[in-house]
Amino acid sequence: MGKRAETDPLAEHKALMEETEYVIQADKAGFKYAWASEHHFLEEYSHLSANDVFLGYLAHATERIHLGSGIFNPLAPVNHPVKVAEKVAMLDHLSEGRFEFGSGRGAGSHEILGFLPGITDMNHTKELWEETIAEFPKMWLQDEYAGFQGKHWSLPPRKILPKPYGKSHPAMWYAAGSPPSYAMAAKKGLGVLGFSVQKVSDMEWVLEQYKTAIVDAEPVGDFVNDNVMVTTTAICAPTHAEAVRIAASGGLHYLPSLVFRYHDTFPRPEGFPVWPETLPAYTEEFVEVLIEEELLICGDPDEVLRQCERWERAGADQLSFGLPVGVPKEETLQTIRLVGEYVIPKIDTDPVHRTSRFRQGV
C-alpha cells in the first residue's frame, strides 16, 4: 500500500473498495466462502483492521456466499470476548446464517506487542486464546451466560445479546500454523484456516495431524466442524500465456517479503532477504516454476481446473484464493468470472454449504 500511496493519495480507499467488489462478484460467480482478515499496524501487508464493519457491509451486498472472519482476534486485551460474541451473533443475523467464525492469535511481535507490551514469549497468546474459546458457545446458547472468572478476563452473569440466528451458532474455525496447532484445533472440533499451507504436498502433514485427531474431538461448540481450508494465489486468463504475463507483472514477490517483515514467529527460509530488502521481481520463467511446483494456481480455465483438482485429491475440504493486490482490478475480476464459469461448476456439485450441513445436524 505504501508504494501505491506514493503515486495515488486514494490508494488505500481504492484497495478497500476493490476488495468489496471482488467479494460481490465472487458471490455472483458461485464462490462459496470469502474470508476477511483482522490485522493491526501492518502497513502494506493488511489495512483490514475493522473486518467486522467490512463483513457487515458485505452481508447486505451479497446473497449466497458465506462470509468468514479470518480472523476475529478474541484475546481480551485486543477485543473483549463478549464484544466478539456479540459481533458474531449480529453478523449471523445480518447474513441470515452465512457467517463463519474464525479466530486466532495475531501475527508476529509487531502486532501482538501493540496490545500486549512487555511480553517476551509470543506463545503467551496461546494461553489467552485457550482460556477464552470454549466460552463463546456458552454465551450464545445459554439464556443467561453463567459468567466467567479467568486469569485474563472476567464477567458476571449476563444475557449476551443478540442470540445467533436460527439453530445453534456459526461454525467455528481456528487459524493454525504449525502441526501441533492443527491437532489442537481438531481435538476442539474446530475447522482449520490453513493460511500456512503453501503447496499441495503440505497437505500430507496437515491431514495427518488434523484428520486423525478430529475422530476423537471433544467439541467446544455445539457441533464438530470437520474442515480444512487452504489458501493459494490464483490467476486465471483466457490463455496460459496471458495468465503468466499477468502473474509476472503483478508484484507477486512483494507479499512474501511482507510476510517475513511482520511474521517474525515464522522460520525465515535460508537466504531470504531481510526487510526492507525484498525478493526480486518474478520473471515469466520463474512463474512457470511456481506453477510446476504447485505453489501458484495460474493458467487458462482448463489448467486452473486441473490445479484445483490436485488440491481436492490431496484432501483439502475448501480451497481459498488469494487475489494479488498488484494485479489490476479488471484482470482480477476476469479470474473471478472465469473460475465461476468454467471451474466451480465442475468441482463443486453440492449446493449445500458443508458448514451449514454440520450446523443443521445433517
Protein backbone atom coordinates (compact mmCIF):
# COMPACT_ATOMS: atom_id res chain seq x y z
CA MET A 1 0.00 0.00 0.00
CA GLY A 2 2.87 2.35 0.76
CA LYS A 3 4.22 2.33 -2.78
CA ARG A 4 0.78 2.73 -4.31
CA ALA A 5 0.05 5.63 -1.97
CA GLU A 6 3.20 7.42 -3.16
CA THR A 7 1.56 8.00 -6.54
CA ASP A 8 -2.12 7.90 -5.57
CA PRO A 9 -3.37 9.51 -2.34
CA LEU A 10 -6.60 7.47 -2.64
CA ALA A 11 -4.80 4.14 -2.97
CA GLU A 12 -5.96 2.84 0.42
CA HIS A 13 -9.59 3.72 -0.28
CA LYS A 14 -9.49 2.21 -3.76
CA ALA A 15 -7.96 -1.01 -2.46
CA LEU A 16 -10.64 -1.42 0.20
CA MET A 17 -13.46 -0.75 -2.25
CA GLU A 18 -11.92 -3.11 -4.80
CA GLU A 19 -11.90 -5.86 -2.18
CA THR A 20 -15.63 -5.40 -1.57
CA GLU A 21 -16.24 -5.61 -5.31
CA TYR A 22 -14.27 -8.85 -5.55
CA VAL A 23 -16.45 -10.49 -2.89
CA ILE A 24 -19.66 -9.23 -4.51
CA GLN A 25 -18.59 -10.61 -7.88
CA ALA A 26 -17.41 -13.87 -6.29
CA ASP A 27 -20.88 -14.25 -4.80
CA LYS A 28 -22.45 -13.83 -8.24
CA ALA A 29 -19.91 -16.24 -9.77
CA GLY A 30 -20.77 -19.06 -7.37
CA PHE A 31 -17.87 -18.95 -4.92
CA LYS A 32 -18.97 -20.41 -1.57
CA TYR A 33 -16.79 -18.63 1.01
CA ALA A 34 -14.97 -15.33 1.45
CA TRP A 35 -12.60 -14.71 4.38
CA ALA A 36 -11.67 -11.29 5.77
CA SER A 37 -8.57 -10.90 7.93
CA GLU A 38 -8.09 -8.81 11.06
CA HIS A 39 -4.69 -7.18 11.35
CA HIS A 40 -3.43 -4.09 13.11
CA PHE A 41 -0.43 -1.82 12.48
CA LEU A 42 0.81 -3.86 9.46
CA GLU A 43 1.39 -1.20 6.81
CA GLU A 44 1.12 -2.52 3.25
CA TYR A 45 0.57 -6.11 4.42
CA SER A 46 -3.02 -5.56 5.62
CA HIS A 47 -5.09 -2.46 6.30
CA LEU A 48 -8.23 -4.52 7.08
CA SER A 49 -8.30 -3.73 10.79
CA ALA A 50 -12.10 -3.43 11.21
CA ASN A 51 -13.18 -6.55 9.37
CA ASP A 52 -16.45 -6.74 11.31
CA VAL A 53 -17.52 -3.49 9.61
CA PHE A 54 -16.29 -4.80 6.25
CA LEU A 55 -18.24 -8.05 6.69
CA GLY A 56 -21.37 -6.22 7.81
CA TYR A 57 -21.32 -4.26 4.56
CA LEU A 58 -20.87 -7.47 2.57
CA ALA A 59 -23.69 -9.22 4.43
CA HIS A 60 -26.06 -6.74 2.81
CA ALA A 61 -24.26 -6.59 -0.55
CA THR A 62 -24.21 -10.39 -1.17
CA GLU A 63 -26.85 -13.09 -1.30
CA ARG A 64 -25.34 -16.58 -1.08
CA ILE A 65 -21.65 -16.57 -0.28
CA HIS A 66 -20.62 -17.42 3.28
CA LEU A 67 -18.63 -14.64 4.96
CA GLY A 68 -15.91 -15.56 7.42
CA SER A 69 -13.70 -13.79 9.91
CA GLY A 70 -10.24 -14.93 9.08
CA ILE A 71 -9.85 -13.94 11.89
CA PHE A 72 -11.58 -12.19 14.77
CA ASN A 73 -8.96 -11.84 17.49
CA PRO A 74 -10.66 -12.85 20.78
CA LEU A 75 -7.76 -12.08 23.11
CA ALA A 76 -9.15 -9.85 25.88
CA PRO A 77 -6.50 -7.09 25.51
CA VAL A 78 -7.38 -6.82 21.79
CA ASN A 79 -11.15 -7.42 21.72
CA HIS A 80 -13.19 -8.24 24.80
CA PRO A 81 -14.63 -11.76 24.30
CA VAL A 82 -18.19 -10.61 24.95
CA LYS A 83 -17.86 -7.98 22.24
CA VAL A 84 -16.61 -10.68 19.87
CA ALA A 85 -19.58 -12.93 20.73
CA GLU A 86 -21.96 -10.04 20.07
CA LYS A 87 -20.36 -9.25 16.70
CA VAL A 88 -20.53 -12.89 15.61
CA ALA A 89 -24.22 -13.18 16.50
CA MET A 90 -25.05 -9.87 14.84
CA LEU A 91 -23.28 -10.86 11.62
CA ASP A 92 -25.08 -14.20 11.78
CA HIS A 93 -28.37 -12.28 11.70
CA LEU A 94 -27.38 -9.75 9.05
CA SER A 95 -26.17 -12.55 6.75
CA GLU A 96 -29.11 -14.82 7.69
CA GLY A 97 -26.87 -17.69 8.70
CA ARG A 98 -23.98 -17.16 6.27
CA PHE A 99 -21.37 -16.07 8.80
CA GLU A 100 -18.37 -18.25 9.76
CA PHE A 101 -16.44 -17.52 12.97
CA GLY A 102 -12.71 -17.88 12.54
CA SER A 103 -10.44 -16.95 15.45
CA GLY A 104 -6.72 -16.72 16.02
CA ARG A 105 -3.97 -15.01 17.98
CA GLY A 106 -2.48 -12.29 15.81
CA ALA A 107 0.52 -12.07 13.52
CA GLY A 108 4.02 -11.56 14.82
CA SER A 109 5.51 -9.39 17.52
CA HIS A 110 4.81 -6.01 15.86
CA GLU A 111 1.06 -6.62 16.03
CA ILE A 112 0.93 -8.59 19.28
CA LEU A 113 3.15 -6.24 21.29
CA GLY A 114 0.91 -3.32 20.35
CA PHE A 115 -1.72 -4.82 22.65
CA LEU A 116 0.45 -6.88 24.99
CA PRO A 117 3.51 -4.71 25.70
CA GLY A 118 6.29 -6.26 27.68
CA ILE A 119 5.74 -9.95 26.96
CA THR A 120 8.82 -11.84 25.85
CA ASP A 121 7.24 -15.07 24.61
CA MET A 122 4.81 -14.82 21.69
CA ASN A 123 3.33 -18.17 22.79
CA HIS A 124 1.77 -16.25 25.70
CA THR A 125 -1.17 -15.52 23.39
CA LYS A 126 -1.99 -19.23 23.25
CA GLU A 127 -2.85 -19.14 26.95
CA LEU A 128 -5.26 -16.24 26.43
CA TRP A 129 -6.93 -17.89 23.44
CA GLU A 130 -7.23 -21.29 25.18
CA GLU A 131 -8.89 -19.65 28.18
CA THR A 132 -11.50 -17.97 26.01
CA ILE A 133 -12.50 -20.12 23.02
CA ALA A 134 -14.85 -22.52 24.85
CA GLU A 135 -16.82 -19.61 26.36
CA PHE A 136 -18.31 -18.43 23.06
CA PRO A 137 -20.87 -21.25 22.61
CA LYS A 138 -21.97 -20.71 26.22
CA MET A 139 -22.52 -17.00 25.57
CA TRP A 140 -24.62 -17.82 22.50
CA LEU A 141 -26.60 -20.80 23.77
CA GLN A 142 -27.20 -20.10 27.47
CA ASP A 143 -30.25 -17.90 28.05
CA GLU A 144 -28.20 -16.07 30.65
CA TYR A 145 -24.50 -16.61 30.33
CA ALA A 146 -23.28 -18.02 33.65
CA GLY A 147 -20.33 -15.64 33.67
CA PHE A 148 -16.60 -16.25 33.74
CA GLN A 149 -13.72 -15.71 36.14
CA GLY A 150 -10.42 -16.33 34.44
CA LYS A 151 -6.84 -15.26 34.64
CA HIS A 152 -7.09 -12.70 31.86
CA TRP A 153 -10.73 -11.56 31.86
CA SER A 154 -13.95 -11.98 33.79
CA LEU A 155 -17.65 -11.22 33.54
CA PRO A 156 -20.56 -11.61 35.98
CA PRO A 157 -23.69 -13.47 34.79
CA ARG A 158 -25.28 -11.53 31.94
CA LYS A 159 -27.63 -12.04 28.99
CA ILE A 160 -25.41 -11.85 25.88
CA LEU A 161 -27.48 -10.40 23.04
CA PRO A 162 -28.38 -10.98 20.32
CA LYS A 163 -28.54 -14.75 20.25
CA PRO A 164 -27.40 -16.31 16.95
CA TYR A 165 -29.76 -16.63 14.01
CA GLY A 166 -31.74 -19.87 13.76
CA LYS A 167 -30.42 -23.14 15.12
CA SER A 168 -27.17 -23.47 17.08
CA HIS A 169 -24.38 -20.98 16.28
CA PRO A 170 -21.99 -20.19 13.40
CA ALA A 171 -19.31 -22.74 12.54
CA MET A 172 -16.08 -22.17 14.47
CA TRP A 173 -12.61 -22.16 12.89
CA TYR A 174 -9.03 -21.60 14.05
CA ALA A 175 -6.14 -20.10 12.07
CA ALA A 176 -3.41 -22.72 12.53
CA GLY A 177 0.24 -22.55 11.56
CA SER A 178 2.17 -25.48 12.99
CA PRO A 179 1.38 -29.24 13.04
CA PRO A 180 0.52 -29.21 16.77
CA SER A 181 -1.95 -26.36 16.12
CA TYR A 182 -3.84 -28.49 13.59
CA ALA A 183 -4.16 -31.34 16.07
CA MET A 184 -5.21 -28.97 18.86
CA ALA A 185 -7.92 -27.41 16.68
CA ALA A 186 -9.19 -30.85 15.68
CA LYS A 187 -9.43 -32.00 19.29
CA LYS A 188 -11.64 -28.97 20.00
CA GLY A 189 -13.82 -29.73 16.97
CA LEU A 190 -12.74 -26.58 15.13
CA GLY A 191 -12.25 -26.19 11.42
CA VAL A 192 -8.79 -25.02 10.40
CA LEU A 193 -7.92 -21.94 8.37
CA GLY A 194 -4.71 -23.17 6.78
CA PHE A 195 -3.15 -19.90 5.76
CA SER A 196 0.28 -21.52 6.23
CA VAL A 197 -0.30 -24.31 3.70
CA GLN A 198 1.73 -23.25 0.67
CA LYS A 199 1.74 -26.21 -1.73
CA VAL A 200 -0.18 -29.41 -2.37
CA SER A 201 2.48 -31.59 -0.74
CA ASP A 202 1.97 -29.66 2.52
CA MET A 203 -1.44 -31.31 2.77
CA GLU A 204 0.15 -34.58 3.86
CA TRP A 205 1.20 -33.45 7.34
CA VAL A 206 -1.87 -31.22 7.68
CA LEU A 207 -4.26 -34.10 7.11
CA GLU A 208 -2.24 -36.50 9.23
CA GLN A 209 -2.36 -34.13 12.19
CA TYR A 210 -5.94 -32.97 11.73
CA LYS A 211 -8.00 -35.85 10.37
CA THR A 212 -6.58 -38.31 12.90
CA ALA A 213 -7.38 -36.06 15.86
CA ILE A 214 -10.84 -34.95 14.65
CA VAL A 215 -12.16 -38.50 15.08
CA ASP A 216 -11.88 -38.13 18.86
CA ALA A 217 -12.90 -34.47 19.01
CA GLU A 218 -14.47 -33.08 22.15
CA PRO A 219 -16.02 -30.00 20.54
CA VAL A 220 -16.05 -26.73 22.42
CA GLY A 221 -19.05 -25.76 20.29
CA ASP A 222 -22.40 -27.30 19.51
CA PHE A 223 -21.01 -29.46 16.68
CA VAL A 224 -17.76 -30.65 15.12
CA ASN A 225 -16.63 -28.56 12.14
CA ASP A 226 -14.50 -31.16 10.32
CA ASN A 227 -12.95 -28.82 7.78
CA VAL A 228 -9.51 -27.91 6.47
CA MET A 229 -9.36 -24.73 4.40
CA VAL A 230 -6.17 -23.96 2.49
CA THR A 231 -5.16 -20.87 0.55
CA THR A 232 -3.22 -20.27 -2.63
CA THR A 233 -2.69 -17.41 -5.05
CA ALA A 234 -4.77 -17.74 -8.21
CA ILE A 235 -4.72 -16.09 -11.62
CA CYS A 236 -6.92 -17.27 -14.50
CA ALA A 237 -6.97 -15.86 -18.04
CA PRO A 238 -8.26 -17.00 -21.44
CA THR A 239 -4.80 -18.32 -22.35
CA HIS A 240 -1.84 -19.73 -20.45
CA ALA A 241 0.48 -17.06 -21.85
CA GLU A 242 -1.78 -14.23 -20.69
CA ALA A 243 -2.11 -15.69 -17.20
CA VAL A 244 1.67 -15.99 -16.87
CA ARG A 245 2.13 -12.43 -18.13
CA ILE A 246 -0.35 -11.15 -15.54
CA ALA A 247 1.42 -13.08 -12.78
CA ALA A 248 4.87 -11.85 -13.77
CA SER A 249 3.72 -8.22 -13.79
CA GLY A 250 1.58 -8.48 -10.64
CA GLY A 251 4.25 -7.92 -8.00
CA LEU A 252 3.85 -11.41 -6.53
CA HIS A 253 7.32 -11.22 -4.97
CA TYR A 254 6.25 -8.45 -2.61
CA LEU A 255 3.75 -10.31 -0.42
CA PRO A 256 6.23 -12.99 0.75
CA SER A 257 8.62 -10.16 1.61
CA LEU A 258 5.92 -8.50 3.71
CA VAL A 259 5.06 -11.81 5.37
CA PHE A 260 8.57 -12.10 6.76
CA ARG A 261 8.64 -8.40 7.57
CA TYR A 262 5.90 -8.94 10.15
CA HIS A 263 5.54 -12.66 10.86
CA ASP A 264 8.74 -12.97 12.84
CA THR A 265 7.40 -16.10 14.52
CA PHE A 266 7.73 -17.92 11.16
CA PRO A 267 11.10 -19.58 10.47
CA ARG A 268 12.84 -17.47 7.84
CA PRO A 269 13.99 -19.57 4.85
CA GLU A 270 17.75 -19.68 4.36
CA GLY A 271 18.90 -16.82 2.15
CA PHE A 272 15.57 -14.97 2.38
CA PRO A 273 16.19 -11.19 2.31
CA VAL A 274 15.72 -9.10 5.44
CA TRP A 275 13.32 -6.16 5.16
CA PRO A 276 13.49 -3.56 3.63
CA GLU A 277 15.22 -5.73 1.04
CA THR A 278 12.65 -7.75 -0.90
CA LEU A 279 12.66 -10.78 -3.13
CA PRO A 280 13.46 -9.93 -6.76
CA ALA A 281 10.51 -9.43 -9.09
CA TYR A 282 9.30 -12.66 -10.66
CA THR A 283 10.03 -13.35 -14.31
CA GLU A 284 7.70 -15.33 -16.55
CA GLU A 285 10.19 -18.21 -16.34
CA PHE A 286 10.00 -18.17 -12.54
CA VAL A 287 6.19 -18.06 -12.66
CA GLU A 288 6.33 -21.26 -14.72
CA VAL A 289 8.47 -22.82 -11.97
CA LEU A 290 5.93 -21.78 -9.31
CA ILE A 291 3.16 -23.41 -11.34
CA GLU A 292 5.20 -26.59 -11.78
CA GLU A 293 5.97 -26.71 -8.05
CA GLU A 294 2.23 -26.23 -7.29
CA LEU A 295 2.91 -23.01 -5.40
CA LEU A 296 0.64 -20.97 -7.67
CA ILE A 297 -2.64 -21.62 -9.46
CA CYS A 298 -2.19 -19.97 -12.81
CA GLY A 299 -3.29 -20.65 -16.38
CA ASP A 300 -6.28 -20.94 -18.65
CA PRO A 301 -9.56 -22.31 -17.23
CA ASP A 302 -8.74 -25.95 -18.06
CA GLU A 303 -5.34 -25.68 -16.38
CA VAL A 304 -6.81 -23.96 -13.33
CA LEU A 305 -9.42 -26.72 -13.09
CA ARG A 306 -6.73 -29.41 -13.08
CA GLN A 307 -4.70 -27.49 -10.49
CA CYS A 308 -7.74 -27.17 -8.22
CA GLU A 309 -8.47 -30.87 -8.61
CA ARG A 310 -4.97 -31.63 -7.29
CA TRP A 311 -5.85 -29.84 -4.05
CA GLU A 312 -9.12 -31.74 -3.89
CA ARG A 313 -7.39 -35.11 -4.35
CA ALA A 314 -4.87 -34.15 -1.67
CA GLY A 315 -7.76 -33.82 0.79
CA ALA A 316 -8.46 -30.10 1.12
CA ASP A 317 -12.07 -29.51 2.17
CA GLN A 318 -12.00 -25.91 0.97
CA LEU A 319 -9.64 -24.04 -1.35
CA SER A 320 -9.48 -20.28 -0.90
CA PHE A 321 -7.93 -17.95 -3.49
CA GLY A 322 -5.71 -15.05 -2.60
CA LEU A 323 -6.05 -12.41 -5.30
CA PRO A 324 -2.78 -10.44 -5.67
CA VAL A 325 -3.16 -6.73 -4.94
CA GLY A 326 -0.64 -5.91 -7.68
CA VAL A 327 -2.89 -7.33 -10.38
CA PRO A 328 -5.15 -4.70 -11.99
CA LYS A 329 -8.81 -4.77 -11.00
CA GLU A 330 -10.15 -5.86 -14.40
CA GLU A 331 -7.77 -8.81 -14.57
CA THR A 332 -8.70 -9.89 -11.04
CA LEU A 333 -12.39 -9.71 -11.96
CA GLN A 334 -11.53 -11.80 -15.02
CA THR A 335 -10.10 -14.50 -12.74
CA ILE A 336 -13.28 -14.50 -10.66
CA ARG A 337 -15.51 -14.65 -13.72
CA LEU A 338 -13.59 -17.43 -15.49
CA VAL A 339 -13.30 -19.58 -12.37
CA GLY A 340 -17.01 -19.11 -11.71
CA GLU A 341 -17.96 -20.00 -15.27
CA TYR A 342 -15.61 -22.88 -16.05
CA VAL A 343 -14.11 -24.27 -12.84
CA ILE A 344 -16.59 -24.13 -9.96
CA PRO A 345 -19.44 -25.95 -11.78
CA LYS A 346 -17.15 -28.94 -12.40
CA ILE A 347 -15.74 -29.35 -8.89
CA ASP A 348 -18.50 -28.04 -6.62
CA THR A 349 -21.63 -30.04 -7.29
CA ASP A 350 -23.18 -29.76 -3.81
CA PRO A 351 -25.38 -26.67 -3.42
CA VAL A 352 -25.42 -27.02 0.39
CA HIS A 353 -22.57 -25.46 2.31
CA ARG A 354 -20.62 -28.01 4.33
CA THR A 355 -20.73 -25.88 7.48
CA SER A 356 -24.48 -25.33 7.09
CA ARG A 357 -24.94 -29.09 6.99
CA PHE A 358 -22.96 -29.51 10.23
CA ARG A 359 -24.88 -26.71 11.90
CA GLN A 360 -28.22 -28.26 10.96
CA GLY A 361 -27.14 -31.66 12.22
CA VAL A 362 -27.41 -33.27 8.77
